[in-house]
Amino acid sequence: MNTRMNDPIETLRKKIDKHAFKKHLDAIQKTPTMMDILGVARDENSHSDFLAWLFDSNNDHGLGTKVVENLLSILDLNLNDNLKVSESKSSRECCIDNGRVDIIVELETNDQGKYRIVFENKIHAKETKGDQTQRYYDHYNNLKDNIQNIFVFNRYDIGQKPRCEKFKCITYQDIAEKV
């Protein structure tokens, strides 16, 4: 029997630690973000606009392809040391049959390889029409354009999962930690 488990001082210490952690977590959650300050914290389009701007290496943010390379790292799709992203271009609200993809990022690598990131972004919302990610997968997977597709489901709620299992799940926290 572990005498430390019955030690009243140890029990009190654990309660204090839990209380301090909860207090710290509450403080973090109450700290406003830039999106909170702008009044768009729950607006998926504002978040998607910002991410698309970051993902495009031609925009004037000074980050080049670094954000996209970090995204690939989050997805465990690191390019090898000899293969680098040479350019990334993003588009918003890309229309396909029966839907609009939030963000499409087209990548070119130094070996002339081409990749397409199909990026579905969710903030406190569910897939529309029940099979949104499956429709997006079917559409882009059936194109005969010699571009390798990468499917990403970015969500605010870590419990939310896409219906199509081909989509890799990430969170805003994953992106924030890498950018």
Foldseek 3Di string as FASTA:
>chain_A
DDVLVVDPVNVVVVVVVVVVVVVVVVVVVPDDDPCVVVVNPQPQLVVLVVVQLVCFLPHDPPCRNQLVQLVCVLVVNHDDPVKDFPGKHKDAQCDDVPGTQGMWIWTAIPVRAIAIEREHEDEPDAAPPQQNQVVVCVVVVPDPDRHHYAYEYEYQDPVDDHPDPSYDYDYPVSSVVSD
